[in-house]
Protein backbone atom coordinates (compact mmCIF):
# COMPACT_ATOMS: atom_id res chain seq x y z
CA MET A 1 -10.92 -14.00 -0.84
CA ARG A 2 -12.77 -10.93 -0.16
CA LEU A 3 -13.44 -9.97 3.43
CA THR A 4 -16.53 -8.01 4.74
CA HIS A 5 -15.98 -5.20 7.10
CA GLY A 6 -16.85 -7.67 10.07
CA GLY A 7 -14.54 -10.26 9.02
CA ALA A 8 -11.81 -7.93 8.61
CA VAL A 9 -12.30 -6.43 12.02
CA TRP A 10 -12.51 -9.99 13.42
CA LEU A 11 -9.17 -10.93 11.84
CA MET A 12 -7.50 -7.61 12.98
CA VAL A 13 -8.59 -8.54 16.93
CA VAL A 14 -7.41 -11.99 16.56
CA VAL A 15 -4.08 -11.00 14.88
CA THR A 16 -3.68 -8.43 17.77
CA LEU A 17 -4.38 -11.17 20.42
CA MET A 18 -1.71 -13.47 18.67
CA TRP A 19 0.97 -10.65 18.71
CA GLY A 20 0.30 -9.84 22.20
CA THR A 21 0.77 -13.39 23.54
CA ALA A 22 3.69 -14.03 21.44
CA GLY A 23 5.99 -12.20 23.98
CA VAL A 24 4.89 -14.63 26.86
CA VAL A 25 5.51 -17.68 24.60
CA THR A 26 8.91 -16.39 23.56
CA ARG A 27 10.07 -15.92 27.19
CA HIS A 28 9.44 -19.48 27.87
CA LEU A 29 11.32 -20.57 24.82
CA VAL A 30 14.74 -19.74 26.40
CA GLN A 31 14.31 -22.97 28.50
CA ALA A 32 13.17 -25.08 25.64
CA HIS A 33 15.35 -27.48 23.48
CA SER A 34 15.33 -27.25 19.77
CA PHE A 35 12.94 -30.41 19.22
CA GLU A 36 10.58 -29.21 21.73
CA ILE A 37 10.24 -25.79 19.92
CA THR A 38 9.70 -27.62 16.58
CA PHE A 39 7.29 -29.91 18.09
CA TRP A 40 5.10 -27.33 19.31
CA ARG A 41 5.31 -24.98 16.31
CA SER A 42 4.44 -28.09 14.14
CA LEU A 43 1.53 -28.91 16.41
CA PHE A 44 -0.06 -25.37 16.41
CA THR A 45 0.53 -25.11 12.62
CA MET A 46 -1.46 -28.36 12.09
CA LEU A 47 -4.19 -27.32 14.39
CA ALA A 48 -4.59 -23.84 12.80
CA LEU A 49 -4.64 -25.33 9.23
CA LEU A 50 -7.35 -27.85 10.43
CA VAL A 51 -9.46 -24.85 11.13
CA ILE A 52 -8.38 -22.38 8.61
CA LEU A 53 -8.49 -24.51 5.54
CA PRO A 54 -12.10 -25.78 5.77
CA LEU A 55 -13.04 -22.15 6.56
CA TRP A 56 -11.54 -20.81 3.46
CA ARG A 57 -11.88 -23.64 1.14
CA GLY A 58 -15.10 -25.33 2.34
CA ARG A 59 -15.60 -28.97 3.15
CA ALA A 60 -14.17 -30.19 -0.31
CA VAL A 61 -10.71 -29.53 1.44
CA CYS A 62 -10.89 -32.97 2.99
CA SER A 63 -11.51 -34.94 -0.18
CA GLN A 64 -8.75 -32.80 -1.91
CA LEU A 65 -6.20 -33.68 0.81
CA ARG A 66 -7.15 -37.47 0.51
CA SER A 67 -6.52 -37.42 -3.18
CA GLY A 68 -3.50 -35.38 -2.97
CA GLY A 69 -1.10 -37.94 -3.88
CA ARG A 70 2.12 -39.18 -2.33
CA ALA A 71 4.15 -36.00 -2.90
CA LEU A 72 1.54 -34.24 -0.67
CA TRP A 73 1.80 -36.68 2.17
CA ILE A 74 5.58 -37.05 2.13
CA SER A 75 5.98 -33.13 2.58
CA GLY A 76 3.33 -33.09 5.13
CA VAL A 77 5.22 -35.85 7.17
CA CYS A 78 8.34 -33.92 6.60
């Protein structure tokens, strides 16, 4: 994937915001249990992939996921 100048600048701003808020989130993890941490990490990963994959691969990613087979869905559940 090739980024335009504007896309690269946008990506740098988003990554900076993500790193900047990571400290706040990490401070709250001291009180969280391991299941809670795993749950929230998985939820946000899923949400990010639902946004990022269609942007990178186009709308065809939905049909590719549907026809991915049993191994894809088993690994996704795990």
